Amino acid sequence: MTKVNQIPLKVKLFLALLSGASLTFCYAPFSLWWLMLLGFSSFIYLLTCVQKNQAFKLGFAFGLGWFGAGISWVHVSIADFGGIPLIASIALMLLLCGYLAIYPALSSLLLKKYFDVKHWPLALPLIWLFFETLRGWLFTGFPWLSLGYAQLSGPLSGWMPVLGEIGVSIIVVLLGTSIAIWLPSKNWGQTAFLIIVILVSGAVLNTHQWAKPTGDVVNVAMVQGNIQQALRWAPEQDQPTMEKYRNMTASHWQSDVIIWPEAAIPKLEPIAQEYLAELDQVAAENQVGLITGIVNYNFETREAYNNLIGLGLKHPTSTEDEHLNKGHYHYFHNNRFTKHHLLPIGEFIPFENWIRGLAPIFDLPMSSFSRGAYKQENLLAKGYHFAPAICFEIAFPTQISANLYHDTDFIITVSNDAWFGASHGPDQHLEIAQVRAKEFGLPVLRATNNGITAFIDHTGAIQSRLPQFEAGVLSEHVKQVSGHTIYRSFGYFPIWCLSLGLFLTALWFRNKSSFKPHVQGD
């Protein structure tokens, strides 16, 4: 410890930066789950070797490496579609990563300032939980790269149906901090015991089926059109794109449900009425429910909405006559979902009156949407209930939970990851969808424009997937399940209670050690 203390602060900051950057290899597509404990515990060890007034800087350096490497894919969209100079795009990336790095920096500052090192394993879980919750809420939230996602392929994933991804993040914090504090003190037995108990219990929990297949299956087809991003909003490409999706669907009308991705229909809904009516009619005649993404624009109020709408058959008992007379599609019918969690810059412009027009990135097509309600009805397709999440929304488990009902059959998430090219962003996006399936014990159906389209079962495992940058249709028999996970029933409550209990214990020990009884004659 003494030798480490003598290392210059600049070197420690650089090592913290490397520790944070190493976490990128813990997430998809690399999935080296065990590296998370090594990287995080290395950072905590460095934190023990700096002064209190240096803690914020060290936490900031760690966060800058964590997010700078982990969400480097954001730069692809800025550089390729932002229309701004390279130096400006790099500056925007640094600004975003610098903002996100503030959260681990504040966690480090509070931990170092108010607690002795020996109490850190008890104190940090609640501090980390608070700032991660804040990161997922403030300025609409950006909860990407939460530590727990990296554990999907490891034994700690068994805790996801119990405590959720955020609970697994806190377990990682507890383990990583304990390793960093106890190993230098040569408490090897204590360290080994904690690691073994938590990892083995996670592995055992992984063998338990919280939700079980009912025996019923649904034949679902998902269409991946692979439309280049540069062509998606070109007016002359509207008709070719719509014809492509219709032609790719033609041989799959025997399915129960067909899913098209986010904004698969590039025309605004009010001016795509004829196409939608024809599609609705064909789907109804074939006794199929079809779900597609489309942008709705109200020309009177000048409000745009990123929507998923249901066409064709809503109920399996409907006859064609009933469909034609009562349940057919009409403009602004109620079988729709409107995106609530909008992506900053991509779907809404913060401080729009000030910055729109400063650069092309602040004036992208479809970058001024209105929000849908936080809680909405499920989409209906041939009697099946789908809880939707459009693109970025799949990263918000509390919103998904708010839209799960007793009769929800599946979670459906649609996206367009063409913005991010061949980066690791789409793999991370898919990993997040897998974690939602495991947390809630429900199959997740992920339809995307250019990949990665995938069927995910109720355990978070991928049943089948399409490769990126290829047009294709993925068809699968999806099992219906019954039963609830603990996390679906209780949400964040258990992990907040656990973290609070540990924190209060840390306070008790701190106060006990600082209390010096007065002895008469002193």
Protein backbone atom coordinates (compact mmCIF):
# COMPACT_ATOMS: atom_id res chain seq x y z
CA MET A 1 0.00 0.00 0.00
CA THR A 2 2.84 2.38 0.89
CA LYS A 3 4.48 1.94 -2.50
CA VAL A 4 1.18 2.57 -4.28
CA ASN A 5 0.65 5.72 -2.23
CA GLN A 6 3.94 7.05 -3.58
CA ILE A 7 2.77 6.77 -7.18
CA PRO A 8 2.04 10.23 -8.68
CA LEU A 9 -1.64 11.20 -8.92
CA LYS A 10 -1.44 11.45 -12.71
CA VAL A 11 -0.43 7.80 -12.91
CA LYS A 12 -3.27 6.79 -10.60
CA LEU A 13 -5.73 8.73 -12.74
CA PHE A 14 -4.44 6.99 -15.84
CA LEU A 15 -4.77 3.58 -14.16
CA ALA A 16 -8.33 4.45 -13.12
CA LEU A 17 -9.06 5.43 -16.72
CA LEU A 18 -7.76 2.04 -17.88
CA SER A 19 -9.79 0.24 -15.22
CA GLY A 20 -12.93 1.94 -16.48
CA ALA A 21 -12.11 1.28 -20.13
CA SER A 22 -11.51 -2.41 -19.41
CA LEU A 23 -15.19 -2.79 -18.47
CA THR A 24 -16.11 -2.49 -22.16
CA PHE A 25 -14.92 -6.08 -22.62
CA CYS A 26 -17.39 -7.26 -19.97
CA TYR A 27 -20.41 -6.32 -22.12
CA ALA A 28 -21.57 -7.79 -25.42
CA PRO A 29 -20.19 -8.72 -27.87
CA PHE A 30 -17.18 -9.67 -25.70
CA SER A 31 -19.05 -10.83 -22.56
CA LEU A 32 -16.04 -11.39 -20.29
CA TRP A 33 -18.23 -11.19 -17.17
CA TRP A 34 -15.41 -12.06 -14.74
CA LEU A 35 -13.37 -9.05 -15.88
CA MET A 36 -15.94 -6.78 -14.22
CA LEU A 37 -14.85 -7.82 -10.72
CA LEU A 38 -11.20 -7.32 -11.64
CA GLY A 39 -11.74 -3.91 -13.23
CA PHE A 40 -14.04 -2.57 -10.53
CA SER A 41 -11.96 -3.85 -7.61
CA SER A 42 -8.84 -2.33 -9.21
CA PHE A 43 -10.56 1.05 -9.22
CA ILE A 44 -11.65 0.73 -5.58
CA TYR A 45 -8.10 -0.24 -4.59
CA LEU A 46 -6.79 2.89 -6.32
CA LEU A 47 -9.41 4.89 -4.43
CA THR A 48 -7.95 3.68 -1.14
CA CYS A 49 -4.58 5.10 -2.22
CA VAL A 50 -5.58 8.73 -2.81
CA GLN A 51 -6.39 11.65 -0.55
CA LYS A 52 -9.97 12.69 0.15
CA ASN A 53 -9.63 15.75 -2.06
CA GLN A 54 -8.49 13.53 -4.95
CA ALA A 55 -11.40 11.08 -4.82
CA PHE A 56 -13.64 13.01 -7.22
CA LYS A 57 -10.88 13.20 -9.84
CA LEU A 58 -10.17 9.47 -9.58
CA GLY A 59 -13.87 8.56 -9.86
CA PHE A 60 -14.20 10.91 -12.82
CA ALA A 61 -11.22 9.28 -14.58
CA PHE A 62 -12.74 5.85 -13.99
CA GLY A 63 -16.10 7.01 -15.36
CA LEU A 64 -14.47 8.63 -18.37
CA GLY A 65 -12.81 5.34 -19.28
CA TRP A 66 -15.97 3.34 -18.52
CA PHE A 67 -18.24 5.40 -20.74
CA GLY A 68 -15.67 6.70 -23.20
CA ALA A 69 -14.85 3.19 -24.38
CA GLY A 70 -18.24 1.63 -23.62
CA ILE A 71 -20.44 4.02 -25.61
CA SER A 72 -17.90 4.92 -28.27
CA TRP A 73 -20.53 3.77 -30.77
CA VAL A 74 -22.37 7.08 -30.21
CA HIS A 75 -19.53 8.72 -32.14
CA VAL A 76 -20.46 6.66 -35.22
CA SER A 77 -23.87 8.33 -35.46
CA ILE A 78 -22.44 11.78 -34.74
CA ALA A 79 -19.62 11.44 -37.26
CA ASP A 80 -21.61 9.72 -40.04
CA PHE A 81 -24.95 11.53 -39.75
CA GLY A 82 -24.25 14.59 -37.61
CA GLY A 83 -22.83 16.69 -40.41
CA ILE A 84 -20.30 18.39 -38.16
CA PRO A 85 -16.46 18.45 -38.21
CA LEU A 86 -14.55 15.60 -36.58
CA ILE A 87 -13.18 17.78 -33.81
CA ALA A 88 -16.71 18.91 -32.93
CA SER A 89 -18.05 15.35 -32.88
CA ILE A 90 -15.23 14.27 -30.56
CA ALA A 91 -15.99 17.24 -28.32
CA LEU A 92 -19.67 16.21 -28.12
CA MET A 93 -18.66 12.67 -27.22
CA LEU A 94 -16.35 13.93 -24.48
CA LEU A 95 -19.12 16.17 -23.18
CA LEU A 96 -21.54 13.23 -22.92
CA CYS A 97 -18.96 10.93 -21.33
CA GLY A 98 -17.84 13.70 -18.97
CA TYR A 99 -21.44 14.17 -17.81
CA LEU A 100 -21.87 10.43 -17.19
CA ALA A 101 -18.53 10.25 -15.35
CA ILE A 102 -19.85 12.69 -12.76
CA TYR A 103 -21.94 9.92 -11.17
CA PRO A 104 -19.08 7.54 -10.21
CA ALA A 105 -17.05 10.63 -9.29
CA LEU A 106 -19.68 11.74 -6.76
CA SER A 107 -19.97 8.19 -5.41
CA SER A 108 -16.20 8.14 -4.87
CA LEU A 109 -16.20 11.52 -3.18
CA LEU A 110 -18.93 10.66 -0.66
CA LEU A 111 -17.44 7.26 0.11
CA LYS A 112 -13.94 8.60 0.68
CA LYS A 113 -15.06 11.64 2.65
CA TYR A 114 -17.48 10.08 5.12
CA PHE A 115 -16.41 6.46 5.67
CA ASP A 116 -13.32 4.60 6.80
CA VAL A 117 -11.96 2.14 4.25
CA LYS A 118 -12.97 -0.88 6.35
CA HIS A 119 -16.63 0.20 6.11
CA TRP A 120 -16.68 0.72 2.33
CA PRO A 121 -18.20 -2.68 1.41
CA LEU A 122 -21.20 -1.79 3.58
CA ALA A 123 -21.53 1.86 2.57
CA LEU A 124 -20.91 1.90 -1.18
CA PRO A 125 -23.90 -0.26 -2.33
CA LEU A 126 -26.47 2.37 -1.27
CA ILE A 127 -24.37 5.28 -2.54
CA TRP A 128 -23.90 3.55 -5.91
CA LEU A 129 -27.58 2.61 -6.11
CA PHE A 130 -28.63 6.20 -5.47
CA PHE A 131 -26.41 7.69 -8.18
CA GLU A 132 -27.21 4.95 -10.72
CA THR A 133 -30.92 5.53 -10.13
CA LEU A 134 -30.31 9.25 -10.59
CA ARG A 135 -28.40 8.58 -13.83
CA GLY A 136 -31.39 6.61 -15.12
CA TRP A 137 -33.80 9.46 -14.33
CA LEU A 138 -32.15 12.90 -14.58
CA PHE A 139 -32.57 14.67 -17.95
CA THR A 140 -34.86 11.77 -19.03
CA GLY A 141 -32.15 9.26 -18.03
CA PHE A 142 -29.30 7.38 -19.64
CA PRO A 143 -28.96 4.04 -17.80
CA TRP A 144 -26.77 2.41 -20.46
CA LEU A 145 -23.80 0.27 -19.32
CA SER A 146 -25.08 -0.37 -15.82
CA LEU A 147 -22.69 -2.89 -14.25
CA GLY A 148 -25.22 -5.73 -13.98
CA TYR A 149 -25.70 -6.12 -17.74
CA ALA A 150 -22.19 -7.52 -18.02
CA GLN A 151 -23.17 -10.47 -15.79
CA LEU A 152 -25.75 -11.94 -18.19
CA SER A 153 -23.45 -14.81 -19.18
CA GLY A 154 -22.09 -15.39 -15.64
CA PRO A 155 -23.47 -17.01 -12.49
CA LEU A 156 -24.59 -13.69 -11.01
CA SER A 157 -27.32 -13.57 -13.67
CA GLY A 158 -29.27 -15.96 -11.44
CA TRP A 159 -30.00 -12.96 -9.23
CA MET A 160 -31.65 -11.00 -12.06
CA PRO A 161 -35.14 -12.52 -11.61
CA VAL A 162 -34.82 -11.80 -7.88
CA LEU A 163 -33.22 -8.34 -7.67
CA GLY A 164 -33.21 -7.17 -11.29
CA GLU A 165 -30.22 -5.91 -13.23
CA ILE A 166 -29.73 -3.03 -10.80
CA GLY A 167 -29.59 -5.54 -7.95
CA VAL A 168 -26.86 -7.48 -9.75
CA SER A 169 -25.00 -4.17 -10.19
CA ILE A 170 -25.07 -3.70 -6.43
CA ILE A 171 -23.82 -7.26 -5.88
CA VAL A 172 -20.91 -6.46 -8.20
CA VAL A 173 -20.20 -3.31 -6.18
CA LEU A 174 -20.31 -5.26 -2.92
CA LEU A 175 -18.02 -8.01 -4.23
CA GLY A 176 -15.60 -5.68 -5.99
CA THR A 177 -15.27 -3.40 -2.97
CA SER A 178 -14.80 -6.32 -0.58
CA ILE A 179 -12.07 -7.81 -2.78
CA ALA A 180 -10.27 -4.47 -3.00
CA ILE A 181 -10.39 -3.92 0.77
CA TRP A 182 -9.91 -7.43 2.14
CA LEU A 183 -7.25 -8.91 -0.14
CA PRO A 184 -4.55 -6.29 0.67
CA SER A 185 -5.32 -6.98 4.34
CA LYS A 186 -4.71 -10.69 3.67
CA ASN A 187 -8.27 -11.66 4.60
CA TRP A 188 -8.18 -14.38 1.96
CA GLY A 189 -10.55 -16.76 3.70
CA GLN A 190 -13.17 -14.05 4.23
CA THR A 191 -12.86 -12.92 0.61
CA ALA A 192 -13.07 -16.44 -0.79
CA PHE A 193 -16.10 -17.23 1.37
CA LEU A 194 -18.04 -14.17 0.16
CA ILE A 195 -17.19 -14.79 -3.50
CA ILE A 196 -18.10 -18.47 -3.32
CA VAL A 197 -21.39 -17.89 -1.47
CA ILE A 198 -22.62 -15.21 -3.87
CA LEU A 199 -21.47 -16.93 -7.07
CA VAL A 200 -22.75 -20.36 -6.05
CA SER A 201 -26.09 -18.96 -4.90
CA GLY A 202 -26.40 -17.18 -8.25
CA ALA A 203 -25.63 -20.41 -10.10
CA VAL A 204 -28.25 -22.26 -8.03
CA LEU A 205 -30.84 -19.55 -8.70
CA ASN A 206 -30.09 -19.94 -12.42
CA THR A 207 -31.45 -23.49 -12.25
CA HIS A 208 -34.84 -22.32 -10.99
CA GLN A 209 -37.61 -21.58 -13.48
CA TRP A 210 -39.57 -18.60 -12.21
CA ALA A 211 -41.86 -18.72 -15.24
CA LYS A 212 -42.70 -21.99 -16.95
CA PRO A 213 -43.91 -22.75 -20.51
CA THR A 214 -47.62 -23.45 -20.68
CA GLY A 215 -47.31 -25.72 -23.72
CA ASP A 216 -48.92 -23.17 -26.04
CA VAL A 217 -46.83 -21.72 -28.84
CA VAL A 218 -47.29 -18.73 -31.13
CA ASN A 219 -45.94 -18.62 -34.68
CA VAL A 220 -44.28 -15.22 -35.06
CA ALA A 221 -42.41 -13.79 -38.05
CA MET A 222 -40.21 -10.67 -37.81
CA VAL A 223 -39.12 -8.78 -40.93
CA GLN A 224 -35.71 -7.09 -41.14
CA GLY A 225 -35.74 -4.81 -44.18
CA ASN A 226 -32.14 -3.57 -43.93
CA ILE A 227 -32.90 -0.10 -45.28
CA GLN A 228 -29.84 2.15 -45.32
CA GLN A 229 -30.10 5.03 -42.88
CA ALA A 230 -29.34 7.57 -45.61
CA LEU A 231 -32.42 6.36 -47.55
CA ARG A 232 -34.91 5.98 -44.70
CA TRP A 233 -36.37 9.49 -44.87
CA ALA A 234 -35.78 10.24 -48.55
CA PRO A 235 -39.31 10.84 -49.97
CA GLU A 236 -38.53 9.07 -53.24
CA GLN A 237 -37.69 5.92 -51.25
CA ASP A 238 -41.02 5.73 -49.41
CA GLN A 239 -42.80 3.52 -51.91
CA PRO A 240 -39.86 1.16 -52.60
CA THR A 241 -39.40 0.65 -48.86
CA MET A 242 -43.09 -0.10 -48.26
CA GLU A 243 -43.18 -2.49 -51.21
CA LYS A 244 -40.06 -4.24 -49.92
CA TYR A 245 -41.65 -4.94 -46.55
CA ARG A 246 -44.88 -6.10 -48.13
CA ASN A 247 -43.06 -8.42 -50.54
CA MET A 248 -40.86 -9.87 -47.80
CA THR A 249 -44.00 -10.60 -45.77
CA ALA A 250 -45.90 -12.25 -48.63
CA SER A 251 -44.71 -15.80 -47.86
CA HIS A 252 -45.39 -15.52 -44.13
CA TRP A 253 -49.12 -14.80 -43.97
CA GLN A 254 -49.61 -18.23 -42.34
CA SER A 255 -48.04 -16.87 -39.15
CA ASP A 256 -50.10 -15.90 -36.11
CA VAL A 257 -48.30 -12.57 -35.71
CA ILE A 258 -45.99 -10.58 -38.01
CA ILE A 259 -43.77 -7.80 -36.67
CA TRP A 260 -42.11 -4.99 -38.61
CA PRO A 261 -39.47 -2.78 -36.95
CA GLU A 262 -39.42 0.82 -35.78
CA ALA A 263 -40.72 3.25 -38.42
CA ALA A 264 -40.74 0.44 -40.99
CA ILE A 265 -43.37 2.44 -42.89
CA PRO A 266 -41.52 5.66 -43.77
CA LYS A 267 -44.59 7.66 -44.78
CA LEU A 268 -46.34 9.67 -42.09
CA GLU A 269 -49.45 7.86 -40.89
CA PRO A 270 -51.99 10.46 -42.10
CA ILE A 271 -50.73 10.18 -45.68
CA ALA A 272 -50.23 6.40 -45.60
CA GLN A 273 -53.93 5.62 -45.10
CA GLU A 274 -54.46 3.74 -48.34
CA TYR A 275 -51.40 1.53 -47.79
CA LEU A 276 -52.35 0.84 -44.17
CA ALA A 277 -55.95 -0.02 -45.07
CA GLU A 278 -54.78 -2.49 -47.73
CA LEU A 279 -52.26 -4.05 -45.33
CA ASP A 280 -54.91 -4.28 -42.64
CA GLN A 281 -57.31 -5.97 -45.04
CA VAL A 282 -54.79 -8.57 -46.22
CA ALA A 283 -53.73 -9.37 -42.64
CA ALA A 284 -57.38 -9.78 -41.56
CA GLU A 285 -58.17 -12.06 -44.49
CA ASN A 286 -55.22 -14.25 -43.52
CA GLN A 287 -56.22 -14.23 -39.84
CA VAL A 288 -52.94 -12.60 -38.86
CA GLY A 289 -52.10 -9.81 -36.44
CA LEU A 290 -49.48 -7.40 -37.78
CA ILE A 291 -47.52 -4.89 -35.68
CA THR A 292 -45.48 -2.17 -37.35
CA GLY A 293 -43.65 1.01 -36.49
CA ILE A 294 -44.81 4.25 -38.10
CA VAL A 295 -44.57 7.97 -37.38
CA ASN A 296 -47.83 9.78 -36.77
CA TYR A 297 -47.97 13.52 -37.40
CA ASN A 298 -50.85 15.77 -36.43
CA PHE A 299 -50.88 18.55 -39.03
CA GLU A 300 -53.18 20.68 -36.86
CA THR A 301 -51.11 20.64 -33.68
CA ARG A 302 -47.80 19.98 -35.49
CA GLU A 303 -46.97 17.17 -33.09
CA ALA A 304 -45.16 14.00 -34.16
CA TYR A 305 -45.34 10.64 -32.39
CA ASN A 306 -43.15 7.57 -32.73
CA ASN A 307 -45.76 4.82 -32.81
CA LEU A 308 -46.28 1.10 -32.95
CA ILE A 309 -49.68 0.18 -34.36
CA GLY A 310 -51.57 -3.09 -34.62
CA LEU A 311 -53.21 -4.08 -37.91
CA GLY A 312 -55.19 -7.10 -39.04
CA LEU A 313 -56.66 -9.45 -36.49
CA LYS A 314 -56.97 -8.27 -32.88
CA HIS A 315 -58.89 -11.28 -31.55
CA PRO A 316 -58.61 -14.90 -32.75
CA THR A 317 -62.40 -15.37 -32.67
CA SER A 318 -63.08 -12.42 -34.99
CA THR A 319 -64.69 -13.25 -38.31
CA GLU A 320 -63.80 -11.37 -41.45
CA ASP A 321 -67.17 -9.61 -41.41
CA GLU A 322 -66.69 -8.48 -37.81
CA HIS A 323 -63.26 -7.19 -38.70
CA LEU A 324 -64.48 -5.28 -41.73
CA ASN A 325 -67.40 -3.68 -39.92
CA LYS A 326 -66.06 -3.07 -36.41
CA GLY A 327 -62.39 -3.68 -35.86
CA HIS A 328 -60.71 -2.47 -39.02
CA TYR A 329 -57.88 0.02 -38.96
CA HIS A 330 -58.76 3.68 -39.03
CA TYR A 331 -56.64 6.73 -38.40
CA PHE A 332 -55.71 7.07 -34.73
CA HIS A 333 -57.42 3.81 -33.73
CA ASN A 334 -56.67 2.70 -30.17
CA ASN A 335 -54.53 -0.37 -30.92
CA ARG A 336 -51.32 1.64 -30.75
CA PHE A 337 -48.40 2.52 -28.53
CA THR A 338 -46.63 5.89 -28.47
CA LYS A 339 -43.01 6.11 -27.39
CA HIS A 340 -42.53 7.76 -24.02
CA HIS A 341 -38.77 7.75 -23.42
CA LEU A 342 -37.41 9.85 -26.25
CA LEU A 343 -33.73 9.82 -27.17
CA PRO A 344 -32.04 13.21 -26.63
CA ILE A 345 -30.86 14.80 -29.91
CA GLY A 346 -32.25 11.87 -31.93
CA GLU A 347 -35.92 12.35 -31.01
CA PHE A 348 -36.09 15.57 -29.10
CA ILE A 349 -33.75 18.55 -28.83
CA PRO A 350 -33.02 19.82 -25.31
CA PHE A 351 -33.19 23.63 -25.21
CA GLU A 352 -34.56 23.41 -28.75
CA ASN A 353 -35.11 27.15 -29.20
CA TRP A 354 -31.45 27.81 -28.47
CA ILE A 355 -29.52 25.08 -30.26
CA ARG A 356 -31.63 23.90 -33.21
CA GLY A 357 -29.97 25.19 -36.34
CA LEU A 358 -26.49 25.40 -34.82
CA ALA A 359 -25.42 22.21 -36.63
CA PRO A 360 -27.04 19.51 -38.80
CA ILE A 361 -26.99 17.06 -35.87
CA PHE A 362 -29.48 19.30 -34.05
CA ASP A 363 -31.79 19.32 -37.08
CA LEU A 364 -31.96 15.65 -38.04
CA PRO A 365 -35.13 14.25 -39.66
CA MET A 366 -37.70 13.18 -37.08
CA SER A 367 -35.89 14.83 -34.15
CA SER A 368 -38.84 16.61 -32.55
CA PHE A 369 -41.30 14.05 -31.18
CA SER A 370 -43.96 14.41 -28.51
CA ARG A 371 -44.09 11.91 -25.66
CA GLY A 372 -46.65 9.21 -25.13
CA ALA A 373 -47.97 8.30 -21.68
CA TYR A 374 -45.68 6.48 -19.26
CA LYS A 375 -48.27 3.74 -18.86
CA GLN A 376 -50.27 2.51 -21.86
CA GLU A 377 -52.39 -0.44 -22.89
CA ASN A 378 -50.71 -3.46 -24.45
CA LEU A 379 -50.87 -3.95 -28.19
CA LEU A 380 -53.27 -6.66 -29.33
CA ALA A 381 -52.52 -9.07 -32.18
CA LYS A 382 -54.69 -12.16 -32.73
CA GLY A 383 -55.59 -12.16 -29.04
CA TYR A 384 -52.04 -11.94 -27.75
CA HIS A 385 -50.96 -9.03 -25.55
CA PHE A 386 -47.63 -7.34 -26.27
CA ALA A 387 -45.93 -4.90 -23.88
CA PRO A 388 -44.03 -2.57 -26.24
CA ALA A 389 -40.71 -0.76 -25.92
CA ILE A 390 -39.46 1.31 -28.83
CA CYS A 391 -35.67 1.34 -29.19
CA PHE A 392 -34.07 3.14 -26.21
CA GLU A 393 -37.04 2.31 -23.94
CA ILE A 394 -35.91 -1.29 -23.43
CA ALA A 395 -33.16 0.13 -21.16
CA PHE A 396 -35.77 1.37 -18.65
CA PRO A 397 -36.99 -1.62 -16.61
CA THR A 398 -39.35 0.46 -14.45
CA GLN A 399 -41.21 1.61 -17.55
CA ILE A 400 -41.41 -1.95 -18.87
CA SER A 401 -42.71 -3.10 -15.48
CA ALA A 402 -45.38 -0.37 -15.46
CA ASN A 403 -46.72 -1.72 -18.76
CA LEU A 404 -46.83 -5.39 -17.77
CA TYR A 405 -50.32 -6.62 -16.88
CA HIS A 406 -51.73 -9.94 -15.71
CA ASP A 407 -52.53 -10.93 -19.31
CA THR A 408 -49.30 -9.69 -20.95
CA ASP A 409 -47.91 -12.52 -23.10
CA PHE A 410 -44.72 -11.02 -24.54
CA ILE A 411 -42.47 -7.99 -24.50
CA ILE A 412 -41.91 -6.55 -27.97
CA THR A 413 -39.09 -4.13 -28.72
CA VAL A 414 -38.47 -2.58 -32.11
CA SER A 415 -35.47 -0.54 -33.10
CA ASN A 416 -33.39 0.99 -35.86
CA ASP A 417 -29.70 0.60 -35.01
CA ALA A 418 -28.54 1.65 -38.47
CA TRP A 419 -27.30 4.85 -36.81
CA PHE A 420 -24.49 2.91 -35.15
CA GLY A 421 -23.03 0.94 -38.05
CA ALA A 422 -20.81 -2.05 -37.28
CA SER A 423 -20.02 -0.87 -33.73
CA HIS A 424 -20.71 -2.81 -30.53
CA GLY A 425 -23.78 -0.64 -29.81
CA PRO A 426 -26.33 -3.05 -31.36
CA ASP A 427 -24.82 -5.99 -29.43
CA GLN A 428 -25.17 -4.06 -26.18
CA HIS A 429 -28.74 -3.17 -27.15
CA LEU A 430 -29.55 -6.86 -27.70
CA GLU A 431 -27.93 -7.75 -24.37
CA ILE A 432 -30.17 -5.25 -22.59
CA ALA A 433 -33.23 -6.89 -24.19
CA GLN A 434 -32.00 -10.31 -22.99
CA VAL A 435 -31.70 -8.99 -19.44
CA ARG A 436 -35.29 -7.65 -19.56
CA ALA A 437 -36.48 -11.15 -20.54
CA LYS A 438 -34.61 -12.74 -17.64
CA GLU A 439 -35.74 -10.10 -15.12
CA PHE A 440 -39.43 -10.41 -15.94
CA GLY A 441 -39.60 -14.06 -17.02
CA LEU A 442 -41.19 -13.18 -20.36
CA PRO A 443 -40.11 -13.79 -23.96
CA VAL A 444 -38.79 -10.68 -25.72
CA LEU A 445 -39.30 -10.27 -29.46
CA ARG A 446 -36.79 -7.83 -30.95
CA ALA A 447 -37.43 -6.58 -34.50
CA THR A 448 -34.93 -4.18 -36.04
CA ASN A 449 -34.34 -2.49 -39.37
CA ASN A 450 -30.82 -3.81 -39.98
CA GLY A 451 -30.06 -6.06 -37.01
CA ILE A 452 -29.89 -7.56 -34.58
CA THR A 453 -33.39 -9.06 -34.96
CA ALA A 454 -33.80 -11.87 -32.42
CA PHE A 455 -36.19 -14.08 -30.48
CA ILE A 456 -35.29 -14.19 -26.78
CA ASP A 457 -36.94 -16.75 -24.52
CA HIS A 458 -38.14 -16.15 -20.96
CA THR A 459 -34.73 -17.11 -19.51
CA GLY A 460 -32.89 -14.46 -21.54
CA ALA A 461 -31.42 -16.98 -23.98
CA ILE A 462 -31.47 -16.23 -27.71
CA GLN A 463 -33.64 -18.71 -29.60
CA SER A 464 -32.71 -17.45 -33.05
CA ARG A 465 -31.36 -14.28 -34.64
CA LEU A 466 -30.68 -12.67 -38.00
CA PRO A 467 -27.24 -11.35 -38.92
CA GLN A 468 -26.71 -7.62 -39.19
CA PHE A 469 -26.87 -5.75 -42.49
CA GLU A 470 -28.93 -8.46 -44.24
CA ALA A 471 -32.55 -8.34 -45.30
CA GLY A 472 -34.47 -11.34 -44.06
CA VAL A 473 -37.45 -12.76 -42.20
CA LEU A 474 -36.99 -14.61 -38.92
CA SER A 475 -39.77 -17.03 -38.02
CA GLU A 476 -40.08 -18.89 -34.73
CA HIS A 477 -42.54 -20.79 -32.57
CA VAL A 478 -42.50 -18.79 -29.34
CA LYS A 479 -43.55 -20.49 -26.10
CA GLN A 480 -46.08 -18.81 -23.86
CA VAL A 481 -45.24 -18.87 -20.16
CA SER A 482 -46.98 -18.46 -16.83
CA GLY A 483 -45.58 -17.34 -13.48
CA HIS A 484 -43.88 -14.23 -12.14
CA THR A 485 -40.34 -13.49 -11.09
CA ILE A 486 -39.71 -11.86 -7.70
CA TYR A 487 -38.39 -8.78 -9.47
CA ARG A 488 -41.55 -8.45 -11.55
CA SER A 489 -43.61 -8.53 -8.35
CA PHE A 490 -41.51 -6.26 -6.12
CA GLY A 491 -39.23 -4.26 -8.43
CA TYR A 492 -36.49 -2.20 -6.76
CA PHE A 493 -37.90 -2.55 -3.23
CA PRO A 494 -35.76 -5.55 -2.10
CA ILE A 495 -32.45 -4.10 -3.32
CA TRP A 496 -33.18 -0.71 -1.74
CA CYS A 497 -33.95 -2.45 1.57
CA LEU A 498 -30.80 -4.55 1.37
CA SER A 499 -28.59 -1.60 0.45
CA LEU A 500 -30.14 0.59 3.14
CA GLY A 501 -29.57 -2.13 5.74
CA LEU A 502 -25.89 -2.37 4.80
CA PHE A 503 -25.54 1.41 4.85
CA LEU A 504 -27.11 1.74 8.30
CA THR A 505 -24.75 -0.96 9.53
CA ALA A 506 -21.81 1.04 8.15
CA LEU A 507 -23.08 4.14 9.97
CA TRP A 508 -23.43 2.19 13.20
CA PHE A 509 -19.86 0.87 12.97
CA ARG A 510 -18.58 4.33 12.07
CA ASN A 511 -20.30 5.97 15.00
CA LYS A 512 -19.23 3.18 17.36
CA SER A 513 -15.57 3.47 16.36
CA SER A 514 -15.63 7.28 16.67
CA PHE A 515 -17.24 7.21 20.12
CA LYS A 516 -14.68 7.62 22.91
CA PRO A 517 -16.15 7.29 26.42
CA HIS A 518 -15.10 9.97 28.91
CA VAL A 519 -13.06 8.58 31.79
CA GLN A 520 -13.04 10.56 35.04
CA GLY A 521 -9.61 12.09 35.67
CA ASP A 522 -8.66 12.44 31.98
